[in-house]
Amino acid sequence: MWILKSALLGLWLFGFGTMAFLYFAIYRKLLPNSAVSANLIILCTTHNPVWWTALAVCLALGNAIVRSWSAPPVLWVVVLVTGLVPAGFLALFLTLAAKLRPVSQTHL
């Protein structure tokens, strides 16, 4: 059970950390009514070795926290429910990318 809890906590930290990183690196500096290329988001995340290192650190940190602190069960429910926020943003991004891919390949 501690493996599941540590993975949940690590992914929770990683999800909100990624959202904060993208906000501070990209979205905070944008002008109103401007757009961001999906390639920029991909370059800042999956093609960035620091992002992958942060994933490993978050999973290790989640493991350390779970091993050293016995949290009340309500905390895990809260972590699971609030973890749906970054998962929802990921699902939204993947859906938009899948819908835009056929549109970008057609030439008028």
PDB file of N, CA and C in Angstrom:
ATOM      1  N   MET A   1       0.818  -1.196   0.000  1.00  0.00           N
ATOM      2  CA  MET A   1       0.000   0.000   0.000  1.00  0.00           C
ATOM      3  C   MET A   1       0.863   1.260   0.000  1.00  0.00           C
ATOM      4  N   TRP A   2       2.033   1.195   0.636  1.00  0.00           N
ATOM      5  CA  TRP A   2       2.875   2.380   0.684  1.00  0.00           C
ATOM      6  C   TRP A   2       3.419   2.729  -0.699  1.00  0.00           C
ATOM      7  N   ILE A   3       3.550   1.732  -1.580  1.00  0.00           N
ATOM      8  CA  ILE A   3       4.012   2.017  -2.943  1.00  0.00           C
ATOM      9  C   ILE A   3       2.961   2.833  -3.683  1.00  0.00           C
ATOM     10  N   LEU A   4       1.707   2.453  -3.535  1.00  0.00           N
ATOM     11  CA  LEU A   4       0.622   3.189  -4.181  1.00  0.00           C
ATOM     12  C   LEU A   4       0.526   4.611  -3.621  1.00  0.00           C
ATOM     13  N   LYS A   5       0.637   4.728  -2.307  1.00  0.00           N
ATOM     14  CA  LYS A   5       0.561   6.058  -1.690  1.00  0.00           C
ATOM     15  C   LYS A   5       1.734   6.933  -2.116  1.00  0.00           C
ATOM     16  N   SER A   6       2.944   6.359  -2.164  1.00  0.00           N
ATOM     17  CA  SER A   6       4.101   7.165  -2.551  1.00  0.00           C
ATOM     18  C   SER A   6       4.034   7.555  -4.019  1.00  0.00           C
ATOM     19  N   ALA A   7       3.536   6.669  -4.887  1.00  0.00           N
ATOM     20  CA  ALA A   7       3.377   7.029  -6.297  1.00  0.00           C
ATOM     21  C   ALA A   7       2.313   8.111  -6.457  1.00  0.00           C
ATOM     22  N   LEU A   8       1.223   7.987  -5.723  1.00  0.00           N
ATOM     23  CA  LEU A   8       0.161   8.995  -5.784  1.00  0.00           C
ATOM     24  C   LEU A   8       0.672  10.350  -5.328  1.00  0.00           C
ATOM     25  N   LEU A   9       1.370  10.384  -4.207  1.00  0.00           N
ATOM     26  CA  LEU A   9       1.896  11.644  -3.701  1.00  0.00           C
ATOM     27  C   LEU A   9       2.968  12.216  -4.631  1.00  0.00           C
ATOM     28  N   GLY A  10       3.845  11.355  -5.161  1.00  0.00           N
ATOM     29  CA  GLY A  10       4.880  11.822  -6.083  1.00  0.00           C
ATOM     30  C   GLY A  10       4.298  12.387  -7.362  1.00  0.00           C
ATOM     31  N   LEU A  11       3.305  11.719  -7.930  1.00  0.00           N
ATOM     32  CA  LEU A  11       2.669  12.223  -9.147  1.00  0.00           C
ATOM     33  C   LEU A  11       1.848  13.480  -8.875  1.00  0.00           C
ATOM     34  N   TRP A  12       1.283  13.563  -7.671  1.00  0.00           N
ATOM     35  CA  TRP A  12       0.560  14.774  -7.289  1.00  0.00           C
ATOM     36  C   TRP A  12       1.527  15.960  -7.243  1.00  0.00           C
ATOM     37  N   LEU A  13       2.658  15.776  -6.584  1.00  0.00           N
ATOM     38  CA  LEU A  13       3.666  16.829  -6.530  1.00  0.00           C
ATOM     39  C   LEU A  13       4.160  17.196  -7.923  1.00  0.00           C
ATOM     40  N   PHE A  14       4.396  16.192  -8.743  1.00  0.00           N
ATOM     41  CA  PHE A  14       4.908  16.409 -10.088  1.00  0.00           C
ATOM     42  C   PHE A  14       3.886  17.131 -10.968  1.00  0.00           C
ATOM     43  N   GLY A  15       2.624  16.764 -10.845  1.00  0.00           N
ATOM     44  CA  GLY A  15       1.581  17.404 -11.654  1.00  0.00           C
ATOM     45  C   GLY A  15       1.427  18.872 -11.338  1.00  0.00           C
ATOM     46  N   PHE A  16       1.331  19.187 -10.057  1.00  0.00           N
ATOM     47  CA  PHE A  16       1.193  20.598  -9.687  1.00  0.00           C
ATOM     48  C   PHE A  16       2.498  21.360  -9.921  1.00  0.00           C
ATOM     49  N   GLY A  17       3.629  20.691  -9.771  1.00  0.00           N
ATOM     50  CA  GLY A  17       4.907  21.327 -10.075  1.00  0.00           C
ATOM     51  C   GLY A  17       5.048  21.654 -11.551  1.00  0.00           C
ATOM     52  N   THR A  18       4.577  20.759 -12.400  1.00  0.00           N
ATOM     53  CA  THR A  18       4.608  21.021 -13.841  1.00  0.00           C
ATOM     54  C   THR A  18       3.703  22.180 -14.201  1.00  0.00           C
ATOM     55  N   MET A  19       2.521  22.221 -13.599  1.00  0.00           N
ATOM     56  CA  MET A  19       1.620  23.341 -13.866  1.00  0.00           C
ATOM     57  C   MET A  19       2.251  24.661 -13.421  1.00  0.00           C
ATOM     58  N   ALA A  20       2.878  24.669 -12.267  1.00  0.00           N
ATOM     59  CA  ALA A  20       3.526  25.893 -11.783  1.00  0.00           C
ATOM     60  C   ALA A  20       4.713  26.266 -12.673  1.00  0.00           C
ATOM     61  N   PHE A  21       5.487  25.277 -13.089  1.00  0.00           N
ATOM     62  CA  PHE A  21       6.629  25.531 -13.964  1.00  0.00           C
ATOM     63  C   PHE A  21       6.182  26.138 -15.293  1.00  0.00           C
ATOM     64  N   LEU A  22       5.147  25.571 -15.907  1.00  0.00           N
ATOM     65  CA  LEU A  22       4.655  26.108 -17.173  1.00  0.00           C
ATOM     66  C   LEU A  22       4.092  27.514 -17.000  1.00  0.00           C
ATOM     67  N   TYR A  23       3.433  27.755 -15.885  1.00  0.00           N
ATOM     68  CA  TYR A  23       2.910  29.099 -15.646  1.00  0.00           C
ATOM     69  C   TYR A  23       4.041  30.110 -15.544  1.00  0.00           C
ATOM     70  N   PHE A  24       5.049  29.817 -14.715  1.00  0.00           N
ATOM     71  CA  PHE A  24       6.120  30.784 -14.500  1.00  0.00           C
ATOM     72  C   PHE A  24       7.048  30.893 -15.708  1.00  0.00           C
ATOM     73  N   ALA A  25       7.229  29.815 -16.458  1.00  0.00           N
ATOM     74  CA  ALA A  25       8.142  29.853 -17.593  1.00  0.00           C
ATOM     75  C   ALA A  25       7.495  30.429 -18.851  1.00  0.00           C
ATOM     76  N   ILE A  26       6.198  30.191 -19.047  1.00  0.00           N
ATOM     77  CA  ILE A  26       5.578  30.565 -20.317  1.00  0.00           C
ATOM     78  C   ILE A  26       4.425  31.542 -20.137  1.00  0.00           C
ATOM     79  N   TYR A  27       3.414  31.137 -19.403  1.00  0.00           N
ATOM     80  CA  TYR A  27       2.146  31.854 -19.413  1.00  0.00           C
ATOM     81  C   TYR A  27       2.167  33.193 -18.680  1.00  0.00           C
ATOM     82  N   ARG A  28       3.015  33.354 -17.709  1.00  0.00           N
ATOM     83  CA  ARG A  28       3.031  34.596 -16.952  1.00  0.00           C
ATOM     84  C   ARG A  28       3.487  35.770 -17.813  1.00  0.00           C
ATOM     85  N   LYS A  29       4.339  35.500 -18.800  1.00  0.00           N
ATOM     86  CA  LYS A  29       4.903  36.569 -19.617  1.00  0.00           C
ATOM     87  C   LYS A  29       4.088  36.869 -20.871  1.00  0.00           C
ATOM     88  N   LEU A  30       2.989  36.142 -21.082  1.00  0.00           N
ATOM     89  CA  LEU A  30       2.211  36.321 -22.304  1.00  0.00           C
ATOM     90  C   LEU A  30       1.392  37.601 -22.271  1.00  0.00           C
ATOM     91  N   LEU A  31       1.245  38.178 -23.442  1.00  0.00           N
ATOM     92  CA  LEU A  31       0.361  39.321 -23.601  1.00  0.00           C
ATOM     93  C   LEU A  31      -1.069  38.816 -23.712  1.00  0.00           C
ATOM     94  N   PRO A  32      -2.046  39.669 -23.437  1.00  0.00           N
ATOM     95  CA  PRO A  32      -3.444  39.238 -23.593  1.00  0.00           C
ATOM     96  C   PRO A  32      -3.741  38.858 -25.043  1.00  0.00           C
ATOM     97  N   ASN A  33      -4.634  37.910 -25.215  1.00  0.00           N
ATOM     98  CA  ASN A  33      -5.067  37.424 -26.534  1.00  0.00           C
ATOM     99  C   ASN A  33      -3.927  36.859 -27.363  1.00  0.00           C
ATOM    100  N   SER A  34      -2.986  36.173 -26.727  1.00  0.00           N
ATOM    101  CA  SER A  34      -1.905  35.525 -27.450  1.00  0.00           C
ATOM    102  C   SER A  34      -1.998  34.020 -27.224  1.00  0.00           C
ATOM    103  N   ALA A  35      -1.281  33.281 -28.020  1.00  0.00           N
ATOM    104  CA  ALA A  35      -1.344  31.826 -27.972  1.00  0.00           C
ATOM    105  C   ALA A  35       0.053  31.253 -27.774  1.00  0.00           C
ATOM    106  N   VAL A  36       0.082  30.001 -27.347  1.00  0.00           N
ATOM    107  CA  VAL A  36       1.333  29.280 -27.148  1.00  0.00           C
ATOM    108  C   VAL A  36       1.310  28.046 -28.037  1.00  0.00           C
ATOM    109  N   SER A  37       2.390  27.823 -28.722  1.00  0.00           N
ATOM    110  CA  SER A  37       2.499  26.644 -29.571  1.00  0.00           C
ATOM    111  C   SER A  37       2.623  25.387 -28.705  1.00  0.00           C
ATOM    112  N   ALA A  38       2.027  24.317 -29.171  1.00  0.00           N
ATOM    113  CA  ALA A  38       2.154  23.043 -28.455  1.00  0.00           C
ATOM    114  C   ALA A  38       3.601  22.584 -28.457  1.00  0.00           C
ATOM    115  N   ASN A  39       4.348  22.963 -29.494  1.00  0.00           N
ATOM    116  CA  ASN A  39       5.764  22.584 -29.540  1.00  0.00           C
ATOM    117  C   ASN A  39       6.551  23.217 -28.398  1.00  0.00           C
ATOM    118  N   LEU A  40       6.193  24.411 -28.008  1.00  0.00           N
ATOM    119  CA  LEU A  40       6.870  25.075 -26.891  1.00  0.00           C
ATOM    120  C   LEU A  40       6.600  24.340 -25.584  1.00  0.00           C
ATOM    121  N   ILE A  41       5.371  23.914 -25.391  1.00  0.00           N
ATOM    122  CA  ILE A  41       5.033  23.161 -24.178  1.00  0.00           C
ATOM    123  C   ILE A  41       5.776  21.832 -24.158  1.00  0.00           C
ATOM    124  N   ILE A  42       5.858  21.182 -25.303  1.00  0.00           N
ATOM    125  CA  ILE A  42       6.574  19.906 -25.389  1.00  0.00           C
ATOM    126  C   ILE A  42       8.064  20.117 -25.141  1.00  0.00           C
ATOM    127  N   LEU A  43       8.633  21.192 -25.693  1.00  0.00           N
ATOM    128  CA  LEU A  43      10.053  21.470 -25.463  1.00  0.00           C
ATOM    129  C   LEU A  43      10.347  21.749 -23.995  1.00  0.00           C
ATOM    130  N   CYS A  44       9.418  22.389 -23.312  1.00  0.00           N
ATOM    131  CA  CYS A  44       9.626  22.700 -21.895  1.00  0.00           C
ATOM    132  C   CYS A  44       9.406  21.490 -20.989  1.00  0.00           C
ATOM    133  N   THR A  45       8.745  20.474 -21.493  1.00  0.00           N
ATOM    134  CA  THR A  45       8.431  19.324 -20.646  1.00  0.00           C
ATOM    135  C   THR A  45       9.157  18.069 -21.118  1.00  0.00           C
ATOM    136  N   THR A  46       8.608  17.345 -22.044  1.00  0.00           N
ATOM    137  CA  THR A  46       9.133  16.011 -22.367  1.00  0.00           C
ATOM    138  C   THR A  46      10.511  16.024 -23.010  1.00  0.00           C
ATOM    139  N   HIS A  47      10.914  17.107 -23.620  1.00  0.00           N
ATOM    140  CA  HIS A  47      12.255  17.188 -24.206  1.00  0.00           C
ATOM    141  C   HIS A  47      13.256  17.865 -23.282  1.00  0.00           C
ATOM    142  N   ASN A  48      12.869  18.098 -22.065  1.00  0.00           N
ATOM    143  CA  ASN A  48      13.722  18.783 -21.097  1.00  0.00           C
ATOM    144  C   ASN A  48      14.218  17.768 -20.054  1.00  0.00           C
ATOM    145  N   PRO A  49      15.531  17.539 -19.968  1.00  0.00           N
ATOM    146  CA  PRO A  49      16.041  16.576 -18.983  1.00  0.00           C
ATOM    147  C   PRO A  49      15.755  16.978 -17.534  1.00  0.00           C
ATOM    148  N   VAL A  50      15.650  18.266 -17.272  1.00  0.00           N
ATOM    149  CA  VAL A  50      15.347  18.726 -15.914  1.00  0.00           C
ATOM    150  C   VAL A  50      13.934  18.291 -15.510  1.00  0.00           C
ATOM    151  N   TRP A  51      13.017  18.280 -16.457  1.00  0.00           N
ATOM    152  CA  TRP A  51      11.642  17.841 -16.190  1.00  0.00           C
ATOM    153  C   TRP A  51      11.621  16.370 -15.803  1.00  0.00           C
ATOM    154  N   TRP A  52      12.403  15.549 -16.509  1.00  0.00           N
ATOM    155  CA  TRP A  52      12.469  14.120 -16.170  1.00  0.00           C
ATOM    156  C   TRP A  52      13.164  13.902 -14.829  1.00  0.00           C
ATOM    157  N   THR A  53      14.167  14.716 -14.543  1.00  0.00           N
ATOM    158  CA  THR A  53      14.826  14.634 -13.241  1.00  0.00           C
ATOM    159  C   THR A  53      13.853  15.019 -12.131  1.00  0.00           C
ATOM    160  N   ALA A  54      13.021  16.020 -12.396  1.00  0.00           N
ATOM    161  CA  ALA A  54      12.013  16.422 -11.415  1.00  0.00           C
ATOM    162  C   ALA A  54      11.015  15.296 -11.162  1.00  0.00           C
ATOM    163  N   LEU A  55      10.683  14.526 -12.180  1.00  0.00           N
ATOM    164  CA  LEU A  55       9.787  13.376 -11.983  1.00  0.00           C
ATOM    165  C   LEU A  55      10.407  12.373 -11.024  1.00  0.00           C
ATOM    166  N   ALA A  56      11.675  12.055 -11.231  1.00  0.00           N
ATOM    167  CA  ALA A  56      12.355  11.109 -10.337  1.00  0.00           C
ATOM    168  C   ALA A  56      12.459  11.661  -8.918  1.00  0.00           C
ATOM    169  N   VAL A  57      12.742  12.948  -8.800  1.00  0.00           N
ATOM    170  CA  VAL A  57      12.859  13.565  -7.469  1.00  0.00           C
ATOM    171  C   VAL A  57      11.504  13.575  -6.767  1.00  0.00           C
ATOM    172  N   CYS A  58      10.441  13.881  -7.496  1.00  0.00           N
ATOM    173  CA  CYS A  58       9.107  13.902  -6.883  1.00  0.00           C
ATOM    174  C   CYS A  58       8.682  12.515  -6.425  1.00  0.00           C
ATOM    175  N   LEU A  59       8.980  11.494  -7.213  1.00  0.00           N
ATOM    176  CA  LEU A  59       8.647  10.126  -6.794  1.00  0.00           C
ATOM    177  C   LEU A  59       9.466   9.708  -5.569  1.00  0.00           C
ATOM    178  N   ALA A  60      10.744  10.075  -5.547  1.00  0.00           N
ATOM    179  CA  ALA A  60      11.577   9.759  -4.382  1.00  0.00           C
ATOM    180  C   ALA A  60      11.113  10.539  -3.149  1.00  0.00           C
ATOM    181  N   LEU A  61      10.745  11.789  -3.335  1.00  0.00           N
ATOM    182  CA  LEU A  61      10.252  12.604  -2.228  1.00  0.00           C
ATOM    183  C   LEU A  61       8.933  12.064  -1.698  1.00  0.00           C
ATOM    184  N   GLY A  62       8.047  11.646  -2.602  1.00  0.00           N
ATOM    185  CA  GLY A  62       6.791  11.022  -2.180  1.00  0.00           C
ATOM    186  C   GLY A  62       7.037   9.751  -1.397  1.00  0.00           C
ATOM    187  N   ASN A  63       8.004   8.959  -1.826  1.00  0.00           N
ATOM    188  CA  ASN A  63       8.355   7.741  -1.102  1.00  0.00           C
ATOM    189  C   ASN A  63       8.893   8.061   0.280  1.00  0.00           C
ATOM    190  N   ALA A  64       9.758   9.060   0.373  1.00  0.00           N
ATOM    191  CA  ALA A  64      10.322   9.426   1.671  1.00  0.00           C
ATOM    192  C   ALA A  64       9.259   9.943   2.628  1.00  0.00           C
ATOM    193  N   ILE A  65       8.343  10.737   2.107  1.00  0.00           N
ATOM    194  CA  ILE A  65       7.282  11.281   2.968  1.00  0.00           C
ATOM    195  C   ILE A  65       6.368  10.179   3.465  1.00  0.00           C
ATOM    196  N   VAL A  66       5.983   9.279   2.570  1.00  0.00           N
ATOM    197  CA  VAL A  66       5.071   8.196   2.969  1.00  0.00           C
ATOM    198  C   VAL A  66       5.739   7.266   3.975  1.00  0.00           C
ATOM    199  N   ARG A  67       7.016   6.995   3.787  1.00  0.00           N
ATOM    200  CA  ARG A  67       7.727   6.097   4.708  1.00  0.00           C
ATOM    201  C   ARG A  67       7.918   6.697   6.092  1.00  0.00           C
ATOM    202  N   SER A  68       8.073   8.022   6.151  1.00  0.00           N
ATOM    203  CA  SER A  68       8.392   8.630   7.439  1.00  0.00           C
ATOM    204  C   SER A  68       7.179   9.182   8.191  1.00  0.00           C
ATOM    205  N   TRP A  69       6.038   9.320   7.509  1.00  0.00           N
ATOM    206  CA  TRP A  69       4.895   9.971   8.146  1.00  0.00           C
ATOM    207  C   TRP A  69       3.637   9.180   7.845  1.00  0.00           C
ATOM    208  N   SER A  70       2.967   8.763   8.875  1.00  0.00           N
ATOM    209  CA  SER A  70       1.695   8.056   8.672  1.00  0.00           C
ATOM    210  C   SER A  70       0.569   9.083   8.677  1.00  0.00           C
ATOM    211  N   ALA A  71       0.124   9.421   7.505  1.00  0.00           N
ATOM    212  CA  ALA A  71      -0.888  10.460   7.342  1.00  0.00           C
ATOM    213  C   ALA A  71      -2.281   9.874   7.564  1.00  0.00           C
ATOM    214  N   PRO A  72      -3.222  10.701   7.971  1.00  0.00           N
ATOM    215  CA  PRO A  72      -4.597  10.214   8.133  1.00  0.00           C
ATOM    216  C   PRO A  72      -5.195   9.839   6.771  1.00  0.00           C
ATOM    217  N   PRO A  73      -6.130   8.892   6.749  1.00  0.00           N
ATOM    218  CA  PRO A  73      -6.702   8.437   5.479  1.00  0.00           C
ATOM    219  C   PRO A  73      -7.407   9.543   4.685  1.00  0.00           C
ATOM    220  N   VAL A  74      -7.935  10.540   5.372  1.00  0.00           N
ATOM    221  CA  VAL A  74      -8.618  11.618   4.652  1.00  0.00           C
ATOM    222  C   VAL A  74      -7.638  12.395   3.771  1.00  0.00           C
ATOM    223  N   LEU A  75      -6.373  12.445   4.138  1.00  0.00           N
ATOM    224  CA  LEU A  75      -5.373  13.136   3.328  1.00  0.00           C
ATOM    225  C   LEU A  75      -5.241  12.470   1.965  1.00  0.00           C
ATOM    226  N   TRP A  76      -5.277  11.144   1.930  1.00  0.00           N
ATOM    227  CA  TRP A  76      -5.119  10.437   0.662  1.00  0.00           C
ATOM    228  C   TRP A  76      -6.329  10.639  -0.244  1.00  0.00           C
ATOM    229  N   VAL A  77      -7.492  10.813   0.353  1.00  0.00           N
ATOM    230  CA  VAL A  77      -8.677  11.125  -0.444  1.00  0.00           C
ATOM    231  C   VAL A  77      -8.541  12.522  -1.040  1.00  0.00           C
ATOM    232  N   VAL A  78      -8.071  13.462  -0.244  1.00  0.00           N
ATOM    233  CA  VAL A  78      -7.879  14.833  -0.726  1.00  0.00           C
ATOM    234  C   VAL A  78      -6.817  14.874  -1.824  1.00  0.00           C
ATOM    235  N   VAL A  79      -5.723  14.146  -1.637  1.00  0.00           N
ATOM    236  CA  VAL A  79      -4.669  14.102  -2.660  1.00  0.00           C
ATOM    237  C   VAL A  79      -5.200  13.483  -3.946  1.00  0.00           C
ATOM    238  N   LEU A  80      -5.986  12.439  -3.830  1.00  0.00           N
ATOM    239  CA  LEU A  80      -6.547  11.784  -5.010  1.00  0.00           C
ATOM    240  C   LEU A  80      -7.517  12.710  -5.749  1.00  0.00           C
ATOM    241  N   VAL A  81      -8.377  13.394  -5.011  1.00  0.00           N
ATOM    242  CA  VAL A  81      -9.366  14.278  -5.651  1.00  0.00           C
ATOM    243  C   VAL A  81      -8.687  15.500  -6.262  1.00  0.00           C
ATOM    244  N   THR A  82      -7.770  16.120  -5.547  1.00  0.00           N
ATOM    245  CA  THR A  82      -7.102  17.299  -6.102  1.00  0.00           C
ATOM    246  C   THR A  82      -6.124  16.914  -7.211  1.00  0.00           C
ATOM    247  N   GLY A  83      -5.671  15.681  -7.231  1.00  0.00           N
ATOM    248  CA  GLY A  83      -4.810  15.212  -8.312  1.00  0.00           C
ATOM    249  C   GLY A  83      -5.525  15.123  -9.642  1.00  0.00           C
ATOM    250  N   LEU A  84      -6.843  15.212  -9.616  1.00  0.00           N
ATOM    251  CA  LEU A  84      -7.597  15.213 -10.861  1.00  0.00           C
ATOM    252  C   LEU A  84      -7.427  16.517 -11.639  1.00  0.00           C
ATOM    253  N   VAL A  85      -6.995  17.579 -10.975  1.00  0.00           N
ATOM    254  CA  VAL A  85      -6.801  18.868 -11.657  1.00  0.00           C
ATOM    255  C   VAL A  85      -5.674  18.777 -12.684  1.00  0.00           C
ATOM    256  N   PRO A  86      -4.443  18.369 -12.308  1.00  0.00           N
ATOM    257  CA  PRO A  86      -3.415  18.254 -13.349  1.00  0.00           C
ATOM    258  C   PRO A  86      -3.730  17.151 -14.356  1.00  0.00           C
ATOM    259  N   ALA A  87      -4.389  16.089 -13.923  1.00  0.00           N
ATOM    260  CA  ALA A  87      -4.771  15.033 -14.861  1.00  0.00           C
ATOM    261  C   ALA A  87      -5.786  15.562 -15.871  1.00  0.00           C
ATOM    262  N   GLY A  88      -6.684  16.410 -15.432  1.00  0.00           N
ATOM    263  CA  GLY A  88      -7.650  17.018 -16.340  1.00  0.00           C
ATOM    264  C   GLY A  88      -6.990  17.944 -17.344  1.00  0.00           C
ATOM    265  N   PHE A  89      -6.010  18.729 -16.898  1.00  0.00           N
ATOM    266  CA  PHE A  89      -5.288  19.594 -17.822  1.00  0.00           C
ATOM    267  C   PHE A  89      -4.496  18.777 -18.836  1.00  0.00           C
ATOM    268  N   LEU A  90      -3.902  17.675 -18.401  1.00  0.00           N
ATOM    269  CA  LEU A  90      -3.186  16.796 -19.328  1.00  0.00           C
ATOM    270  C   LEU A  90      -4.148  16.202 -20.348  1.00  0.00           C
ATOM    271  N   ALA A  91      -5.297  15.740 -19.899  1.00  0.00           N
ATOM    272  CA  ALA A  91      -6.293  15.183 -20.817  1.00  0.00           C
ATOM    273  C   ALA A  91      -6.784  16.245 -21.795  1.00  0.00           C
ATOM    274  N   LEU A  92      -6.991  17.462 -21.322  1.00  0.00           N
ATOM    275  CA  LEU A  92      -7.417  18.546 -22.201  1.00  0.00           C
ATOM    276  C   LEU A  92      -6.360  18.853 -23.252  1.00  0.00           C
ATOM    277  N   PHE A  93      -5.103  18.915 -22.839  1.00  0.00           N
ATOM    278  CA  PHE A  93      -4.008  19.181 -23.776  1.00  0.00           C
ATOM    279  C   PHE A  93      -3.900  18.078 -24.814  1.00  0.00           C
ATOM    280  N   LEU A  94      -3.968  16.814 -24.385  1.00  0.00           N
ATOM    281  CA  LEU A  94      -3.869  15.707 -25.333  1.00  0.00           C
ATOM    282  C   LEU A  94      -5.049  15.678 -26.296  1.00  0.00           C
ATOM    283  N   THR A  95      -6.235  15.997 -25.810  1.00  0.00           N
ATOM    284  CA  THR A  95      -7.409  16.041 -26.678  1.00  0.00           C
ATOM    285  C   THR A  95      -7.286  17.152 -27.713  1.00  0.00           C
ATOM    286  N   LEU A  96      -6.864  18.324 -27.280  1.00  0.00           N
ATOM    287  CA  LEU A  96      -6.687  19.429 -28.230  1.00  0.00           C
ATOM    288  C   LEU A  96      -5.594  19.119 -29.241  1.00  0.00           C
ATOM    289  N   ALA A  97      -4.508  18.508 -28.800  1.00  0.00           N
ATOM    290  CA  ALA A  97      -3.434  18.155 -29.726  1.00  0.00           C
ATOM    291  C   ALA A  97      -3.908  17.115 -30.734  1.00  0.00           C
ATOM    292  N   ALA A  98      -4.702  16.155 -30.291  1.00  0.00           N
ATOM    293  CA  ALA A  98      -5.214  15.135 -31.210  1.00  0.00           C
ATOM    294  C   ALA A  98      -6.191  15.744 -32.209  1.00  0.00           C
ATOM    295  N   LYS A  99      -7.002  16.695 -31.783  1.00  0.00           N
ATOM    296  CA  LYS A  99      -7.953  17.341 -32.689  1.00  0.00           C
ATOM    297  C   LYS A  99      -7.255  18.295 -33.664  1.00  0.00           C
ATOM    298  N   LEU A 100      -6.167  18.918 -33.241  1.00  0.00           N
ATOM    299  CA  LEU A 100      -5.475  19.864 -34.103  1.00  0.00           C
ATOM    300  C   LEU A 100      -4.531  19.193 -35.094  1.00  0.00           C
ATOM    301  N   ARG A 101      -4.140  17.980 -34.821  1.00  0.00           N
ATOM    302  CA  ARG A 101      -3.195  17.312 -35.717  1.00  0.00           C
ATOM    303  C   ARG A 101      -3.750  17.139 -37.133  1.00  0.00           C
ATOM    304  N   PRO A 102      -4.962  16.611 -37.333  1.00  0.00           N
ATOM    305  CA  PRO A 102      -5.472  16.509 -38.711  1.00  0.00           C
ATOM    306  C   PRO A 102      -5.671  17.873 -39.374  1.00  0.00           C
ATOM    307  N   VAL A 103      -6.021  18.864 -38.585  1.00  0.00           N
ATOM    308  CA  VAL A 103      -6.245  20.199 -39.150  1.00  0.00           C
ATOM    309  C   VAL A 103      -4.928  20.789 -39.642  1.00  0.00           C
ATOM    310  N   SER A 104      -3.851  20.571 -38.914  1.00  0.00           N
ATOM    311  CA  SER A 104      -2.566  21.136 -39.303  1.00  0.00           C
ATOM    312  C   SER A 104      -1.955  20.416 -40.498  1.00  0.00           C
ATOM    313  N   GLN A 105      -2.406  19.210 -40.798  1.00  0.00           N
ATOM    314  CA  GLN A 105      -1.834  18.472 -41.918  1.00  0.00           C
ATOM    315  C   GLN A 105      -2.562  18.739 -43.228  1.00  0.00           C
ATOM    316  N   THR A 106      -3.707  19.365 -43.174  1.00  0.00           N
ATOM    317  CA  THR A 106      -4.414  19.705 -44.407  1.00  0.00           C
ATOM    318  C   THR A 106      -3.935  21.057 -44.904  1.00  0.00           C
ATOM    319  N   HIS A 107      -3.722  21.135 -46.199  1.00  0.00           N
ATOM    320  CA  HIS A 107      -3.242  22.386 -46.812  1.00  0.00           C
ATOM    321  C   HIS A 107      -4.301  22.881 -47.762  1.00  0.00           C
ATOM    322  N   LEU A 108      -4.593  24.145 -47.694  1.00  0.00           N
ATOM    323  CA  LEU A 108      -5.598  24.742 -48.582  1.00  0.00           C
ATOM    324  C   LEU A 108      -4.968  25.272 -49.842  1.00  0.00           C
TER     325      LEU A 108
END
